[in-house]
PDB file of N, CA and C in Angstrom:
ATOM      1  N   UNK A   1      28.121  85.896   6.655  1.00  0.00           N
ATOM      2  CA  UNK A   1      27.712  86.686   7.783  1.00  0.00           C
ATOM      3  C   UNK A   1      28.918  87.327   8.463  1.00  0.00           C
ATOM      4  N   UNK A   2      30.019  86.623   8.518  1.00  0.00           N
ATOM      5  CA  UNK A   2      31.209  87.187   9.146  1.00  0.00           C
ATOM      6  C   UNK A   2      31.703  88.411   8.378  1.00  0.00           C
ATOM      7  N   UNK A   3      31.557  88.370   7.063  1.00  0.00           N
ATOM      8  CA  UNK A   3      31.953  89.520   6.250  1.00  0.00           C
ATOM      9  C   UNK A   3      31.091  90.728   6.589  1.00  0.00           C
ATOM     10  N   UNK A   4      29.815  90.522   6.758  1.00  0.00           N
ATOM     11  CA  UNK A   4      28.913  91.630   7.125  1.00  0.00           C
ATOM     12  C   UNK A   4      29.298  92.218   8.486  1.00  0.00           C
ATOM     13  N   UNK A   5      29.591  91.341   9.437  1.00  0.00           N
ATOM     14  CA  UNK A   5      29.995  91.820  10.765  1.00  0.00           C
ATOM     15  C   UNK A   5      31.301  92.614  10.686  1.00  0.00           C
ATOM     16  N   UNK A   6      32.253  92.119   9.909  1.00  0.00           N
ATOM     17  CA  UNK A   6      33.535  92.810   9.774  1.00  0.00           C
ATOM     18  C   UNK A   6      33.358  94.156   9.081  1.00  0.00           C
ATOM     19  N   UNK A   7      32.537  94.202   8.047  1.00  0.00           N
ATOM     20  CA  UNK A   7      32.298  95.461   7.333  1.00  0.00           C
ATOM     21  C   UNK A   7      31.621  96.480   8.241  1.00  0.00           C
ATOM     22  N   UNK A   8      30.666  96.033   9.036  1.00  0.00           N
ATOM     23  CA  UNK A   8      29.999  96.937   9.984  1.00  0.00           C
ATOM     24  C   UNK A   8      31.007  97.477  10.994  1.00  0.00           C
ATOM     25  N   UNK A   9      31.917  96.638  11.466  1.00  0.00           N
ATOM     26  CA  UNK A   9      32.964  97.102  12.387  1.00  0.00           C
ATOM     27  C   UNK A   9      33.835  98.165  11.733  1.00  0.00           C
ATOM     28  N   UNK A  10      34.188  97.964  10.467  1.00  0.00           N
ATOM     29  CA  UNK A  10      34.998  98.951   9.758  1.00  0.00           C
ATOM     30  C   UNK A  10      34.281 100.285   9.662  1.00  0.00           C
ATOM     31  N   UNK A  11      32.989 100.250   9.370  1.00  0.00           N
ATOM     32  CA  UNK A  11      32.207 101.485   9.285  1.00  0.00           C
ATOM     33  C   UNK A  11      32.159 102.204  10.626  1.00  0.00           C
ATOM     34  N   UNK A  12      31.879 101.449  11.680  1.00  0.00           N
ATOM     35  CA  UNK A  12      31.786 102.040  13.018  1.00  0.00           C
ATOM     36  C   UNK A  12      33.126 102.643  13.427  1.00  0.00           C
ATOM     37  N   UNK A  13      34.210 101.930  13.168  1.00  0.00           N
ATOM     38  CA  UNK A  13      35.540 102.428  13.530  1.00  0.00           C
ATOM     39  C   UNK A  13      35.903 103.707  12.784  1.00  0.00           C
ATOM     40  N   UNK A  14      35.336 103.889  11.581  1.00  0.00           N
ATOM     41  CA  UNK A  14      35.617 105.101  10.822  1.00  0.00           C
ATOM     42  C   UNK A  14      34.617 106.216  11.137  1.00  0.00           C
ATOM     43  N   UNK A  15      33.763 105.976  12.151  1.00  0.00           N
ATOM     44  CA  UNK A  15      32.825 107.006  12.588  1.00  0.00           C
ATOM     45  C   UNK A  15      31.520 107.058  11.817  1.00  0.00           C
ATOM     46  N   UNK A  16      31.248 106.054  11.017  1.00  0.00           N
ATOM     47  CA  UNK A  16      30.014 106.017  10.226  1.00  0.00           C
ATOM     48  C   UNK A  16      29.007 105.077  10.882  1.00  0.00           C
ATOM     49  N   UNK A  17      27.723 105.356  10.699  1.00  0.00           N
ATOM     50  CA  UNK A  17      26.709 104.466  11.290  1.00  0.00           C
ATOM     51  C   UNK A  17      26.651 103.134  10.534  1.00  0.00           C
ATOM     52  N   UNK A  18      26.294 102.101  11.239  1.00  0.00           N
ATOM     53  CA  UNK A  18      26.179 100.779  10.614  1.00  0.00           C
ATOM     54  C   UNK A  18      25.030 100.016  11.248  1.00  0.00           C
ATOM     55  N   UNK A  19      24.371  99.245  10.423  1.00  0.00           N
ATOM     56  CA  UNK A  19      23.305  98.354  10.881  1.00  0.00           C
ATOM     57  C   UNK A  19      23.434  97.062  10.078  1.00  0.00           C
ATOM     58  N   UNK A  20      23.235  95.959  10.735  1.00  0.00           N
ATOM     59  CA  UNK A  20      23.316  94.663  10.068  1.00  0.00           C
ATOM     60  C   UNK A  20      21.916  94.073  10.003  1.00  0.00           C
ATOM     61  N   UNK A  21      21.500  93.658   8.809  1.00  0.00           N
ATOM     62  CA  UNK A  21      20.203  93.012   8.624  1.00  0.00           C
ATOM     63  C   UNK A  21      20.469  91.584   8.151  1.00  0.00           C
ATOM     64  N   UNK A  22      19.963  90.629   8.895  1.00  0.00           N
ATOM     65  CA  UNK A  22      20.137  89.210   8.568  1.00  0.00           C
ATOM     66  C   UNK A  22      18.772  88.581   8.331  1.00  0.00           C
ATOM     67  N   UNK A  23      18.576  88.008   7.167  1.00  0.00           N
ATOM     68  CA  UNK A  23      17.310  87.374   6.814  1.00  0.00           C
ATOM     69  C   UNK A  23      17.512  85.862   6.764  1.00  0.00           C
ATOM     70  N   UNK A  24      17.210  85.207   7.872  1.00  0.00           N
ATOM     71  CA  UNK A  24      17.402  83.752   8.022  1.00  0.00           C
ATOM     72  C   UNK A  24      18.789  83.309   7.574  1.00  0.00           C
ATOM     73  N   UNK A  25      19.792  84.072   7.989  1.00  0.00           N
ATOM     74  CA  UNK A  25      21.172  83.815   7.586  1.00  0.00           C
ATOM     75  C   UNK A  25      21.710  82.487   8.123  1.00  0.00           C
ATOM     76  N   UNK A  26      21.143  81.986   9.179  1.00  0.00           N
ATOM     77  CA  UNK A  26      21.650  80.745   9.795  1.00  0.00           C
ATOM     78  C   UNK A  26      20.701  79.568   9.597  1.00  0.00           C
ATOM     79  N   UNK A  27      19.859  79.650   8.614  1.00  0.00           N
ATOM     80  CA  UNK A  27      18.797  78.665   8.442  1.00  0.00           C
ATOM     81  C   UNK A  27      19.325  77.236   8.264  1.00  0.00           C
ATOM     82  N   UNK A  28      20.490  77.055   7.652  1.00  0.00           N
ATOM     83  CA  UNK A  28      21.015  75.711   7.420  1.00  0.00           C
ATOM     84  C   UNK A  28      22.198  75.367   8.324  1.00  0.00           C
ATOM     85  N   UNK A  29      22.362  76.113   9.388  1.00  0.00           N
ATOM     86  CA  UNK A  29      23.493  75.881  10.296  1.00  0.00           C
ATOM     87  C   UNK A  29      23.188  74.775  11.298  1.00  0.00           C
ATOM     88  N   UNK A  30      24.226  74.033  11.640  1.00  0.00           N
ATOM     89  CA  UNK A  30      24.080  72.993  12.655  1.00  0.00           C
ATOM     90  C   UNK A  30      24.115  73.648  14.042  1.00  0.00           C
ATOM     91  N   UNK A  31      23.693  72.942  15.086  1.00  0.00           N
ATOM     92  CA  UNK A  31      23.608  73.540  16.427  1.00  0.00           C
ATOM     93  C   UNK A  31      24.926  74.126  16.945  1.00  0.00           C
ATOM     94  N   UNK A  32      26.051  73.469  16.677  1.00  0.00           N
ATOM     95  CA  UNK A  32      27.343  73.994  17.145  1.00  0.00           C
ATOM     96  C   UNK A  32      27.674  75.327  16.480  1.00  0.00           C
ATOM     97  N   UNK A  33      27.463  75.393  15.188  1.00  0.00           N
ATOM     98  CA  UNK A  33      27.730  76.638  14.462  1.00  0.00           C
ATOM     99  C   UNK A  33      26.781  77.746  14.935  1.00  0.00           C
ATOM    100  N   UNK A  34      25.524  77.390  15.183  1.00  0.00           N
ATOM    101  CA  UNK A  34      24.557  78.377  15.682  1.00  0.00           C
ATOM    102  C   UNK A  34      25.057  78.986  16.997  1.00  0.00           C
ATOM    103  N   UNK A  35      25.547  78.167  17.902  1.00  0.00           N
ATOM    104  CA  UNK A  35      26.047  78.659  19.184  1.00  0.00           C
ATOM    105  C   UNK A  35      27.210  79.625  18.997  1.00  0.00           C
ATOM    106  N   UNK A  36      28.145  79.256  18.131  1.00  0.00           N
ATOM    107  CA  UNK A  36      29.297  80.139  17.875  1.00  0.00           C
ATOM    108  C   UNK A  36      28.850  81.454  17.252  1.00  0.00           C
ATOM    109  N   UNK A  37      27.901  81.376  16.324  1.00  0.00           N
ATOM    110  CA  UNK A  37      27.422  82.595  15.667  1.00  0.00           C
ATOM    111  C   UNK A  37      26.629  83.464  16.647  1.00  0.00           C
ATOM    112  N   UNK A  38      25.873  82.848  17.547  1.00  0.00           N
ATOM    113  CA  UNK A  38      25.148  83.622  18.552  1.00  0.00           C
ATOM    114  C   UNK A  38      26.117  84.389  19.440  1.00  0.00           C
ATOM    115  N   UNK A  39      27.239  83.756  19.796  1.00  0.00           N
ATOM    116  CA  UNK A  39      28.252  84.453  20.595  1.00  0.00           C
ATOM    117  C   UNK A  39      28.789  85.663  19.835  1.00  0.00           C
ATOM    118  N   UNK A  40      29.071  85.479  18.545  1.00  0.00           N
ATOM    119  CA  UNK A  40      29.566  86.586  17.730  1.00  0.00           C
ATOM    120  C   UNK A  40      28.520  87.686  17.568  1.00  0.00           C
ATOM    121  N   UNK A  41      27.272  87.292  17.368  1.00  0.00           N
ATOM    122  CA  UNK A  41      26.199  88.287  17.228  1.00  0.00           C
ATOM    123  C   UNK A  41      26.009  89.077  18.522  1.00  0.00           C
ATOM    124  N   UNK A  42      26.110  88.406  19.650  1.00  0.00           N
ATOM    125  CA  UNK A  42      25.980  89.083  20.940  1.00  0.00           C
ATOM    126  C   UNK A  42      27.086  90.113  21.114  1.00  0.00           C
ATOM    127  N   UNK A  43      28.310  89.756  20.743  1.00  0.00           N
ATOM    128  CA  UNK A  43      29.424  90.702  20.821  1.00  0.00           C
ATOM    129  C   UNK A  43      29.232  91.860  19.843  1.00  0.00           C
ATOM    130  N   UNK A  44      28.817  91.556  18.630  1.00  0.00           N
ATOM    131  CA  UNK A  44      28.627  92.593  17.611  1.00  0.00           C
ATOM    132  C   UNK A  44      27.510  93.553  17.994  1.00  0.00           C
ATOM    133  N   UNK A  45      26.502  93.060  18.682  1.00  0.00           N
ATOM    134  CA  UNK A  45      25.366  93.901  19.069  1.00  0.00           C
ATOM    135  C   UNK A  45      25.766  94.967  20.089  1.00  0.00           C
ATOM    136  N   UNK A  46      26.912  94.804  20.709  1.00  0.00           N
ATOM    137  CA  UNK A  46      27.404  95.839  21.616  1.00  0.00           C
ATOM    138  C   UNK A  46      27.935  97.043  20.838  1.00  0.00           C
ATOM    139  N   UNK A  47      28.261  96.846  19.553  1.00  0.00           N
ATOM    140  CA  UNK A  47      28.850  97.908  18.739  1.00  0.00           C
ATOM    141  C   UNK A  47      27.904  98.472  17.693  1.00  0.00           C
ATOM    142  N   UNK A  48      26.954  97.666  17.229  1.00  0.00           N
ATOM    143  CA  UNK A  48      26.060  98.100  16.160  1.00  0.00           C
ATOM    144  C   UNK A  48      24.700  97.425  16.290  1.00  0.00           C
ATOM    145  N   UNK A  49      23.709  98.009  15.669  1.00  0.00           N
ATOM    146  CA  UNK A  49      22.360  97.448  15.717  1.00  0.00           C
ATOM    147  C   UNK A  49      22.264  96.277  14.749  1.00  0.00           C
ATOM    148  N   UNK A  50      21.599  95.211  15.190  1.00  0.00           N
ATOM    149  CA  UNK A  50      21.416  94.024  14.350  1.00  0.00           C
ATOM    150  C   UNK A  50      19.930  93.700  14.284  1.00  0.00           C
ATOM    151  N   UNK A  51      19.426  93.556  13.070  1.00  0.00           N
ATOM    152  CA  UNK A  51      18.037  93.195  12.845  1.00  0.00           C
ATOM    153  C   UNK A  51      18.026  91.796  12.243  1.00  0.00           C
ATOM    154  N   UNK A  52      17.366  90.863  12.929  1.00  0.00           N
ATOM    155  CA  UNK A  52      17.306  89.479  12.461  1.00  0.00           C
ATOM    156  C   UNK A  52      15.880  89.161  12.051  1.00  0.00           C
ATOM    157  N   UNK A  53      15.730  88.766  10.799  1.00  0.00           N
ATOM    158  CA  UNK A  53      14.435  88.332  10.282  1.00  0.00           C
ATOM    159  C   UNK A  53      14.469  86.814  10.198  1.00  0.00           C
ATOM    160  N   UNK A  54      13.512  86.164  10.829  1.00  0.00           N
ATOM    161  CA  UNK A  54      13.506  84.698  10.824  1.00  0.00           C
ATOM    162  C   UNK A  54      12.095  84.177  11.068  1.00  0.00           C
ATOM    163  N   UNK A  55      11.878  82.971  10.605  1.00  0.00           N
ATOM    164  CA  UNK A  55      10.610  82.298  10.901  1.00  0.00           C
ATOM    165  C   UNK A  55      10.789  81.337  12.069  1.00  0.00           C
ATOM    166  N   UNK A  56      12.010  81.274  12.630  1.00  0.00           N
ATOM    167  CA  UNK A  56      12.309  80.348  13.734  1.00  0.00           C
ATOM    168  C   UNK A  56      12.578  81.125  15.021  1.00  0.00           C
ATOM    169  N   UNK A  57      11.567  81.776  15.523  1.00  0.00           N
ATOM    170  CA  UNK A  57      11.679  82.654  16.676  1.00  0.00           C
ATOM    171  C   UNK A  57      12.278  81.972  17.897  1.00  0.00           C
ATOM    172  N   UNK A  58      11.903  80.730  18.145  1.00  0.00           N
ATOM    173  CA  UNK A  58      12.344  80.035  19.352  1.00  0.00           C
ATOM    174  C   UNK A  58      13.868  79.894  19.403  1.00  0.00           C
ATOM    175  N   UNK A  59      14.470  79.650  18.259  1.00  0.00           N
ATOM    176  CA  UNK A  59      15.921  79.444  18.214  1.00  0.00           C
ATOM    177  C   UNK A  59      16.661  80.736  18.576  1.00  0.00           C
ATOM    178  N   UNK A  60      16.120  81.873  18.162  1.00  0.00           N
ATOM    179  CA  UNK A  60      16.792  83.146  18.383  1.00  0.00           C
ATOM    180  C   UNK A  60      16.410  83.806  19.710  1.00  0.00           C
ATOM    181  N   UNK A  61      15.542  83.196  20.468  1.00  0.00           N
ATOM    182  CA  UNK A  61      15.102  83.773  21.741  1.00  0.00           C
ATOM    183  C   UNK A  61      16.273  83.978  22.696  1.00  0.00           C
ATOM    184  N   UNK A  62      17.271  83.143  22.615  1.00  0.00           N
ATOM    185  CA  UNK A  62      18.452  83.232  23.489  1.00  0.00           C
ATOM    186  C   UNK A  62      19.175  84.564  23.357  1.00  0.00           C
ATOM    187  N   UNK A  63      19.044  85.215  22.207  1.00  0.00           N
ATOM    188  CA  UNK A  63      19.733  86.489  21.999  1.00  0.00           C
ATOM    189  C   UNK A  63      19.071  87.633  22.763  1.00  0.00           C
ATOM    190  N   UNK A  64      17.898  87.387  23.320  1.00  0.00           N
ATOM    191  CA  UNK A  64      17.249  88.382  24.170  1.00  0.00           C
ATOM    192  C   UNK A  64      16.567  89.508  23.418  1.00  0.00           C
ATOM    193  N   UNK A  65      16.295  89.294  22.171  1.00  0.00           N
ATOM    194  CA  UNK A  65      15.679  90.352  21.368  1.00  0.00           C
ATOM    195  C   UNK A  65      14.160  90.351  21.528  1.00  0.00           C
ATOM    196  N   UNK A  66      13.585  91.439  21.124  1.00  0.00           N
ATOM    197  CA  UNK A  66      12.129  91.537  21.074  1.00  0.00           C
ATOM    198  C   UNK A  66      11.680  91.008  19.724  1.00  0.00           C
ATOM    199  N   UNK A  67      10.513  90.440  19.685  1.00  0.00           N
ATOM    200  CA  UNK A  67      10.036  89.934  18.407  1.00  0.00           C
ATOM    201  C   UNK A  67       8.732  90.615  18.033  1.00  0.00           C
ATOM    202  N   UNK A  68       8.534  90.725  16.750  1.00  0.00           N
ATOM    203  CA  UNK A  68       7.309  91.285  16.203  1.00  0.00           C
ATOM    204  C   UNK A  68       6.830  90.376  15.095  1.00  0.00           C
ATOM    205  N   UNK A  69       5.533  90.235  15.002  1.00  0.00           N
ATOM    206  CA  UNK A  69       4.962  89.450  13.924  1.00  0.00           C
ATOM    207  C   UNK A  69       4.299  90.420  12.964  1.00  0.00           C
ATOM    208  N   UNK A  70       4.762  90.426  11.733  1.00  0.00           N
ATOM    209  CA  UNK A  70       4.230  91.340  10.724  1.00  0.00           C
ATOM    210  C   UNK A  70       3.503  90.568   9.651  1.00  0.00           C
ATOM    211  N   UNK A  71       2.474  91.175   9.152  1.00  0.00           N
ATOM    212  CA  UNK A  71       1.736  90.618   8.027  1.00  0.00           C
ATOM    213  C   UNK A  71       2.044  91.463   6.804  1.00  0.00           C
ATOM    214  N   UNK A  72       2.483  90.830   5.730  1.00  0.00           N
ATOM    215  CA  UNK A  72       2.811  91.559   4.516  1.00  0.00           C
ATOM    216  C   UNK A  72       1.600  92.324   4.000  1.00  0.00           C
ATOM    217  N   UNK A  73       0.412  91.729   4.078  1.00  0.00           N
ATOM    218  CA  UNK A  73      -0.804  92.418   3.632  1.00  0.00           C
ATOM    219  C   UNK A  73      -1.014  93.701   4.419  1.00  0.00           C
ATOM    220  N   UNK A  74      -0.758  93.646   5.684  1.00  0.00           N
ATOM    221  CA  UNK A  74      -0.948  94.812   6.553  1.00  0.00           C
ATOM    222  C   UNK A  74       0.076  95.909   6.231  1.00  0.00           C
ATOM    223  N   UNK A  75       1.283  95.516   5.931  1.00  0.00           N
ATOM    224  CA  UNK A  75       2.321  96.484   5.603  1.00  0.00           C
ATOM    225  C   UNK A  75       2.014  97.184   4.287  1.00  0.00           C
ATOM    226  N   UNK A  76       1.579  96.443   3.299  1.00  0.00           N
ATOM    227  CA  UNK A  76       1.303  96.996   1.972  1.00  0.00           C
ATOM    228  C   UNK A  76       0.124  97.943   1.995  1.00  0.00           C
ATOM    229  N   UNK A  77      -0.905  97.621   2.757  1.00  0.00           N
ATOM    230  CA  UNK A  77      -2.121  98.455   2.759  1.00  0.00           C
ATOM    231  C   UNK A  77      -2.059  99.624   3.717  1.00  0.00           C
ATOM    232  N   UNK A  78      -1.038  99.701   4.530  1.00  0.00           N
ATOM    233  CA  UNK A  78      -0.950 100.779   5.517  1.00  0.00           C
ATOM    234  C   UNK A  78      -0.271 101.989   4.928  1.00  0.00           C
TER     235      UNK A  78
END
């Protein structure tokens, strides 16, 4: 995840758009690591858009993001 954040910073600094997509990237992290990563994600979100996909909404609520519940069946048939 740190590599993705660093690469996005490089893109932004060179004037290119960047977006970070994380799909349950912290699923096996311990609570201390989660806190440190949340601090980094909060800082990174000031520079670039971050999309977090997770099934653990409560844990990520601290980041202040909006959540949406999507159904794969609904996406495919629309």
